């Protein structure tokens, strides 16, 4: 059975890029969210195996959403996505329970490596 993934990013083209990488590699994208509040709702709805979470978003940022998802399921697997130069935020995210992080712009092999490592 293919692993189910929720993609969270406020930029539609970023969601499209990562979805393309995932589906080409046999993953099942079960949902997409444009902000942290949607992410938490979609997480409750779909119970995905993994979430890719952007850090900087309107309404609720990725780190707050990560904490809320971890409160729902302490074993939730979340990989943070960040632009260059957000190292401090990445450290916050890892401390809040993120499993890994990928830097934008996405490189397909790095995305798949991070997801494979997190799910294995």
N, C-alpha and C. Protein backbone atom coordinates (compact mmCIF):
# COMPACT_ATOMS: atom_id res chain seq x y z
N UNK A 1 0.85 -1.19 0.00
CA UNK A 1 0.00 0.00 0.00
C UNK A 1 0.88 1.25 0.00
N UNK A 2 0.56 2.20 -0.86
CA UNK A 2 1.41 3.38 -0.93
C UNK A 2 1.16 4.30 0.26
N UNK A 3 2.19 5.02 0.64
CA UNK A 3 2.11 5.91 1.80
C UNK A 3 1.33 7.17 1.44
N UNK A 4 0.50 7.61 2.39
CA UNK A 4 -0.40 8.74 2.19
C UNK A 4 0.22 10.02 2.76
N UNK A 5 0.26 11.06 1.93
CA UNK A 5 0.95 12.29 2.31
C UNK A 5 0.06 13.51 2.17
N UNK A 6 0.17 14.41 3.16
CA UNK A 6 -0.53 15.70 3.14
C UNK A 6 0.52 16.77 2.85
N UNK A 7 0.24 17.63 1.87
CA UNK A 7 1.17 18.69 1.48
C UNK A 7 0.64 20.03 1.98
N UNK A 8 1.47 20.76 2.71
CA UNK A 8 1.05 22.06 3.25
C UNK A 8 2.03 23.14 2.79
N UNK A 9 1.50 24.11 2.03
CA UNK A 9 2.30 25.25 1.57
C UNK A 9 1.34 26.32 1.10
N UNK A 10 1.63 27.58 1.43
CA UNK A 10 0.71 28.64 1.00
C UNK A 10 0.85 28.96 -0.49
N UNK A 11 1.93 28.51 -1.13
CA UNK A 11 2.11 28.75 -2.56
C UNK A 11 1.63 27.54 -3.36
N UNK A 12 0.62 27.75 -4.19
CA UNK A 12 0.04 26.64 -4.97
C UNK A 12 1.08 25.98 -5.87
N UNK A 13 1.98 26.76 -6.46
CA UNK A 13 2.98 26.16 -7.36
C UNK A 13 3.97 25.28 -6.59
N UNK A 14 4.25 25.62 -5.33
CA UNK A 14 5.13 24.78 -4.50
C UNK A 14 4.42 23.45 -4.19
N UNK A 15 3.12 23.54 -3.88
CA UNK A 15 2.35 22.30 -3.63
C UNK A 15 2.36 21.43 -4.88
N UNK A 16 2.19 22.08 -6.04
CA UNK A 16 2.17 21.35 -7.30
C UNK A 16 3.51 20.67 -7.57
N UNK A 17 4.61 21.39 -7.30
CA UNK A 17 5.94 20.82 -7.52
C UNK A 17 6.18 19.59 -6.66
N UNK A 18 5.84 19.72 -5.38
CA UNK A 18 6.12 18.60 -4.47
C UNK A 18 5.17 17.43 -4.74
N UNK A 19 3.93 17.76 -5.11
CA UNK A 19 2.96 16.71 -5.44
C UNK A 19 3.45 15.91 -6.65
N UNK A 20 3.99 16.62 -7.63
CA UNK A 20 4.52 15.99 -8.84
C UNK A 20 5.65 15.02 -8.49
N UNK A 21 6.57 15.48 -7.64
CA UNK A 21 7.70 14.63 -7.21
C UNK A 21 7.17 13.39 -6.49
N UNK A 22 6.21 13.58 -5.59
CA UNK A 22 5.69 12.47 -4.78
C UNK A 22 4.93 11.45 -5.62
N UNK A 23 4.03 11.94 -6.46
CA UNK A 23 3.22 10.99 -7.24
C UNK A 23 4.08 10.21 -8.23
N UNK A 24 5.09 10.86 -8.81
CA UNK A 24 6.01 10.15 -9.72
C UNK A 24 6.78 9.04 -9.00
N UNK A 25 6.92 9.17 -7.68
CA UNK A 25 7.66 8.18 -6.90
C UNK A 25 6.74 7.23 -6.13
N UNK A 26 5.48 7.20 -6.53
CA UNK A 26 4.56 6.20 -5.99
C UNK A 26 3.88 6.54 -4.69
N UNK A 27 3.98 7.80 -4.25
CA UNK A 27 3.28 8.20 -3.03
C UNK A 27 1.88 8.70 -3.37
N UNK A 28 0.98 8.60 -2.42
CA UNK A 28 -0.41 9.00 -2.60
C UNK A 28 -0.64 10.33 -1.86
N UNK A 29 -0.87 11.41 -2.60
CA UNK A 29 -1.13 12.71 -1.97
C UNK A 29 -2.62 12.77 -1.63
N UNK A 30 -2.92 12.70 -0.32
CA UNK A 30 -4.33 12.62 0.11
C UNK A 30 -4.96 13.98 0.34
N UNK A 31 -4.13 15.02 0.44
CA UNK A 31 -4.71 16.34 0.66
C UNK A 31 -3.67 17.43 0.53
N UNK A 32 -4.18 18.66 0.39
CA UNK A 32 -3.31 19.83 0.33
C UNK A 32 -3.92 20.91 1.21
N UNK A 33 -3.04 21.70 1.83
CA UNK A 33 -3.52 22.81 2.66
C UNK A 33 -2.65 24.03 2.38
N UNK A 34 -3.27 25.22 2.49
CA UNK A 34 -2.57 26.47 2.16
C UNK A 34 -2.12 27.24 3.40
N UNK A 35 -2.54 26.77 4.59
CA UNK A 35 -2.07 27.40 5.82
C UNK A 35 -2.16 26.40 6.97
N UNK A 36 -1.62 26.81 8.12
CA UNK A 36 -1.54 25.89 9.25
C UNK A 36 -2.89 25.42 9.77
N UNK A 37 -3.89 26.32 9.74
CA UNK A 37 -5.21 25.94 10.24
C UNK A 37 -5.81 24.85 9.36
N UNK A 38 -5.70 25.04 8.05
CA UNK A 38 -6.17 24.00 7.12
C UNK A 38 -5.39 22.71 7.33
N UNK A 39 -4.11 22.84 7.58
CA UNK A 39 -3.25 21.65 7.76
C UNK A 39 -3.77 20.79 8.91
N UNK A 40 -4.09 21.44 10.03
CA UNK A 40 -4.57 20.70 11.20
C UNK A 40 -5.90 20.02 10.88
N UNK A 41 -6.81 20.75 10.20
CA UNK A 41 -8.11 20.17 9.82
C UNK A 41 -7.93 18.97 8.89
N UNK A 42 -7.09 19.14 7.88
CA UNK A 42 -6.87 18.05 6.90
C UNK A 42 -6.18 16.87 7.57
N UNK A 43 -5.31 17.15 8.55
CA UNK A 43 -4.65 16.06 9.27
C UNK A 43 -5.70 15.21 9.99
N UNK A 44 -6.63 15.89 10.69
CA UNK A 44 -7.69 15.17 11.41
C UNK A 44 -8.56 14.37 10.45
N UNK A 45 -8.78 14.94 9.27
CA UNK A 45 -9.65 14.32 8.28
C UNK A 45 -9.00 13.09 7.63
N UNK A 46 -7.73 13.20 7.24
CA UNK A 46 -7.08 12.16 6.44
C UNK A 46 -6.14 11.22 7.19
N UNK A 47 -5.66 11.62 8.37
CA UNK A 47 -4.66 10.83 9.11
C UNK A 47 -3.55 10.33 8.18
N UNK A 48 -2.84 11.25 7.52
CA UNK A 48 -1.80 10.82 6.57
C UNK A 48 -0.61 10.17 7.28
N UNK A 49 0.18 9.43 6.52
CA UNK A 49 1.40 8.80 7.06
C UNK A 49 2.49 9.84 7.27
N UNK A 50 2.41 10.94 6.49
CA UNK A 50 3.44 11.96 6.56
C UNK A 50 2.88 13.30 6.09
N UNK A 51 3.42 14.38 6.66
CA UNK A 51 3.03 15.73 6.26
C UNK A 51 4.28 16.49 5.83
N UNK A 52 4.21 17.17 4.67
CA UNK A 52 5.27 18.13 4.33
C UNK A 52 4.71 19.50 4.68
N UNK A 53 5.42 20.23 5.52
CA UNK A 53 4.89 21.46 6.11
C UNK A 53 5.79 22.65 5.83
N UNK A 54 5.23 23.65 5.15
CA UNK A 54 5.95 24.90 4.95
C UNK A 54 6.05 25.61 6.30
N UNK A 55 7.11 26.37 6.51
CA UNK A 55 7.25 27.08 7.79
C UNK A 55 6.49 28.40 7.79
N UNK A 56 6.70 29.22 6.76
CA UNK A 56 6.12 30.57 6.75
C UNK A 56 4.81 30.58 5.97
N UNK A 57 3.70 30.74 6.70
CA UNK A 57 2.37 30.77 6.08
C UNK A 57 1.47 31.75 6.82
N UNK A 58 0.42 32.25 6.14
CA UNK A 58 -0.55 33.12 6.82
C UNK A 58 -1.43 32.32 7.79
N UNK A 59 -2.24 33.00 8.56
CA UNK A 59 -3.18 32.40 9.53
C UNK A 59 -2.46 31.70 10.68
N UNK A 60 -1.81 30.60 10.36
CA UNK A 60 -1.06 29.85 11.37
C UNK A 60 0.21 29.33 10.70
N UNK A 61 1.37 29.62 11.30
CA UNK A 61 2.62 29.19 10.66
C UNK A 61 2.84 27.68 10.84
N UNK A 62 3.83 27.18 10.13
CA UNK A 62 4.08 25.75 10.12
C UNK A 62 4.50 25.16 11.45
N UNK A 63 5.22 25.95 12.25
CA UNK A 63 5.68 25.42 13.54
C UNK A 63 4.52 25.28 14.52
N UNK A 64 3.62 26.25 14.51
CA UNK A 64 2.41 26.16 15.35
C UNK A 64 1.56 24.98 14.90
N UNK A 65 1.40 24.83 13.59
CA UNK A 65 0.61 23.71 13.05
C UNK A 65 1.26 22.37 13.41
N UNK A 66 2.58 22.32 13.32
CA UNK A 66 3.32 21.11 13.71
C UNK A 66 3.01 20.74 15.16
N UNK A 67 3.04 21.73 16.06
CA UNK A 67 2.76 21.47 17.48
C UNK A 67 1.34 20.97 17.67
N UNK A 68 0.39 21.55 16.93
CA UNK A 68 -1.01 21.11 17.05
C UNK A 68 -1.19 19.68 16.54
N UNK A 69 -0.53 19.37 15.43
CA UNK A 69 -0.62 18.01 14.88
C UNK A 69 0.03 17.01 15.84
N UNK A 70 1.16 17.39 16.45
CA UNK A 70 1.82 16.52 17.43
C UNK A 70 0.94 16.32 18.67
N UNK A 71 0.13 17.34 19.00
CA UNK A 71 -0.79 17.21 20.13
C UNK A 71 -1.90 16.20 19.81
N UNK A 72 -2.33 16.16 18.54
CA UNK A 72 -3.35 15.20 18.10
C UNK A 72 -2.75 13.80 18.06
N UNK A 73 -1.55 13.71 17.47
CA UNK A 73 -0.87 12.42 17.34
C UNK A 73 0.62 12.60 17.60
N UNK A 74 1.07 12.21 18.79
CA UNK A 74 2.50 12.38 19.13
C UNK A 74 3.45 11.66 18.17
N UNK A 75 2.94 10.67 17.45
CA UNK A 75 3.77 9.92 16.50
C UNK A 75 3.68 10.46 15.07
N UNK A 76 3.03 11.58 14.88
CA UNK A 76 2.89 12.16 13.54
C UNK A 76 4.26 12.40 12.93
N UNK A 77 4.38 12.12 11.64
CA UNK A 77 5.64 12.35 10.93
C UNK A 77 5.49 13.59 10.07
N UNK A 78 6.27 14.60 10.40
CA UNK A 78 6.19 15.87 9.69
C UNK A 78 7.59 16.28 9.23
N UNK A 79 7.69 16.62 7.95
CA UNK A 79 8.94 17.15 7.39
C UNK A 79 8.69 18.62 7.06
N UNK A 80 9.53 19.49 7.58
CA UNK A 80 9.38 20.92 7.34
C UNK A 80 10.05 21.31 6.02
N UNK A 81 9.44 22.30 5.36
CA UNK A 81 10.00 22.85 4.13
C UNK A 81 10.30 24.32 4.39
N UNK A 82 11.52 24.74 4.06
CA UNK A 82 11.85 26.13 4.32
C UNK A 82 12.72 26.70 3.21
N UNK A 83 12.61 27.99 3.05
CA UNK A 83 13.50 28.68 2.11
C UNK A 83 14.87 28.82 2.76
N UNK A 84 15.83 29.18 1.99
CA UNK A 84 17.19 29.38 2.52
C UNK A 84 17.16 30.45 3.61
N UNK A 85 18.07 30.33 4.56
CA UNK A 85 18.21 31.37 5.57
C UNK A 85 17.20 31.32 6.69
N UNK A 86 16.51 30.19 6.85
CA UNK A 86 15.55 30.07 7.96
C UNK A 86 16.04 29.05 8.98
N UNK A 87 17.36 28.99 9.16
CA UNK A 87 17.96 27.97 10.04
C UNK A 87 17.38 27.99 11.46
N UNK A 88 17.20 29.20 12.01
CA UNK A 88 16.66 29.29 13.39
C UNK A 88 15.28 28.65 13.47
N UNK A 89 14.47 28.90 12.46
CA UNK A 89 13.12 28.31 12.43
C UNK A 89 13.19 26.79 12.29
N UNK A 90 14.15 26.33 11.50
CA UNK A 90 14.32 24.88 11.32
C UNK A 90 14.65 24.23 12.66
N UNK A 91 15.53 24.87 13.44
CA UNK A 91 15.88 24.34 14.76
C UNK A 91 14.63 24.29 15.65
N UNK A 92 13.83 25.36 15.64
CA UNK A 92 12.57 25.39 16.39
C UNK A 92 11.68 24.21 15.97
N UNK A 93 11.61 23.98 14.67
CA UNK A 93 10.76 22.92 14.14
C UNK A 93 11.22 21.54 14.59
N UNK A 94 12.53 21.31 14.56
CA UNK A 94 13.07 20.01 15.00
C UNK A 94 12.79 19.82 16.49
N UNK A 95 12.95 20.89 17.27
CA UNK A 95 12.66 20.80 18.71
C UNK A 95 11.18 20.54 18.96
N UNK A 96 10.32 21.05 18.06
CA UNK A 96 8.88 20.84 18.20
C UNK A 96 8.44 19.48 17.69
N UNK A 97 9.38 18.72 17.11
CA UNK A 97 9.06 17.35 16.72
C UNK A 97 9.12 17.04 15.24
N UNK A 98 9.58 17.98 14.42
CA UNK A 98 9.72 17.66 13.00
C UNK A 98 10.79 16.59 12.82
N UNK A 99 10.60 15.72 11.84
CA UNK A 99 11.53 14.62 11.61
C UNK A 99 12.70 15.02 10.74
N UNK A 100 12.48 16.00 9.87
CA UNK A 100 13.53 16.37 8.91
C UNK A 100 13.09 17.69 8.29
N UNK A 101 13.95 18.26 7.45
CA UNK A 101 13.52 19.44 6.71
C UNK A 101 14.14 19.42 5.33
N UNK A 102 13.41 20.00 4.39
CA UNK A 102 13.90 20.12 3.03
C UNK A 102 13.90 21.59 2.66
N UNK A 103 14.90 22.00 1.93
CA UNK A 103 15.06 23.39 1.58
C UNK A 103 14.51 23.64 0.17
N UNK A 104 13.82 24.78 0.04
CA UNK A 104 13.35 25.19 -1.28
C UNK A 104 14.47 25.94 -1.98
N UNK A 105 14.53 25.92 -3.29
CA UNK A 105 13.66 25.15 -4.19
C UNK A 105 13.89 23.65 -4.06
N UNK A 106 12.83 22.88 -4.21
CA UNK A 106 12.90 21.45 -3.98
C UNK A 106 13.77 20.73 -5.01
N UNK A 107 14.58 19.82 -4.51
CA UNK A 107 15.33 18.92 -5.39
C UNK A 107 14.71 17.55 -5.18
N UNK A 108 14.23 16.97 -6.27
CA UNK A 108 13.46 15.73 -6.18
C UNK A 108 14.15 14.65 -5.36
N UNK A 109 15.45 14.44 -5.59
CA UNK A 109 16.13 13.35 -4.88
C UNK A 109 16.20 13.61 -3.38
N UNK A 110 16.37 14.88 -3.00
CA UNK A 110 16.42 15.23 -1.57
C UNK A 110 15.04 15.04 -0.91
N UNK A 111 13.99 15.42 -1.62
CA UNK A 111 12.63 15.25 -1.11
C UNK A 111 12.35 13.77 -0.86
N UNK A 112 12.64 12.94 -1.85
CA UNK A 112 12.37 11.51 -1.74
C UNK A 112 13.23 10.87 -0.65
N UNK A 113 14.49 11.28 -0.57
CA UNK A 113 15.39 10.76 0.48
C UNK A 113 14.84 11.07 1.87
N UNK A 114 14.42 12.32 2.09
CA UNK A 114 13.88 12.72 3.40
C UNK A 114 12.61 11.95 3.73
N UNK A 115 11.73 11.79 2.75
CA UNK A 115 10.47 11.08 2.99
C UNK A 115 10.71 9.61 3.23
N UNK A 116 11.57 9.01 2.42
CA UNK A 116 11.89 7.59 2.57
C UNK A 116 12.49 7.32 3.95
N UNK A 117 13.41 8.18 4.36
CA UNK A 117 14.09 8.03 5.66
C UNK A 117 13.09 8.17 6.82
N UNK A 118 12.19 9.13 6.68
CA UNK A 118 11.22 9.39 7.74
C UNK A 118 10.19 8.27 7.86
N UNK A 119 9.81 7.68 6.73
CA UNK A 119 8.79 6.64 6.75
C UNK A 119 9.34 5.25 7.03
N UNK A 120 10.68 5.07 6.91
CA UNK A 120 11.20 3.71 7.08
C UNK A 120 11.43 3.39 8.56
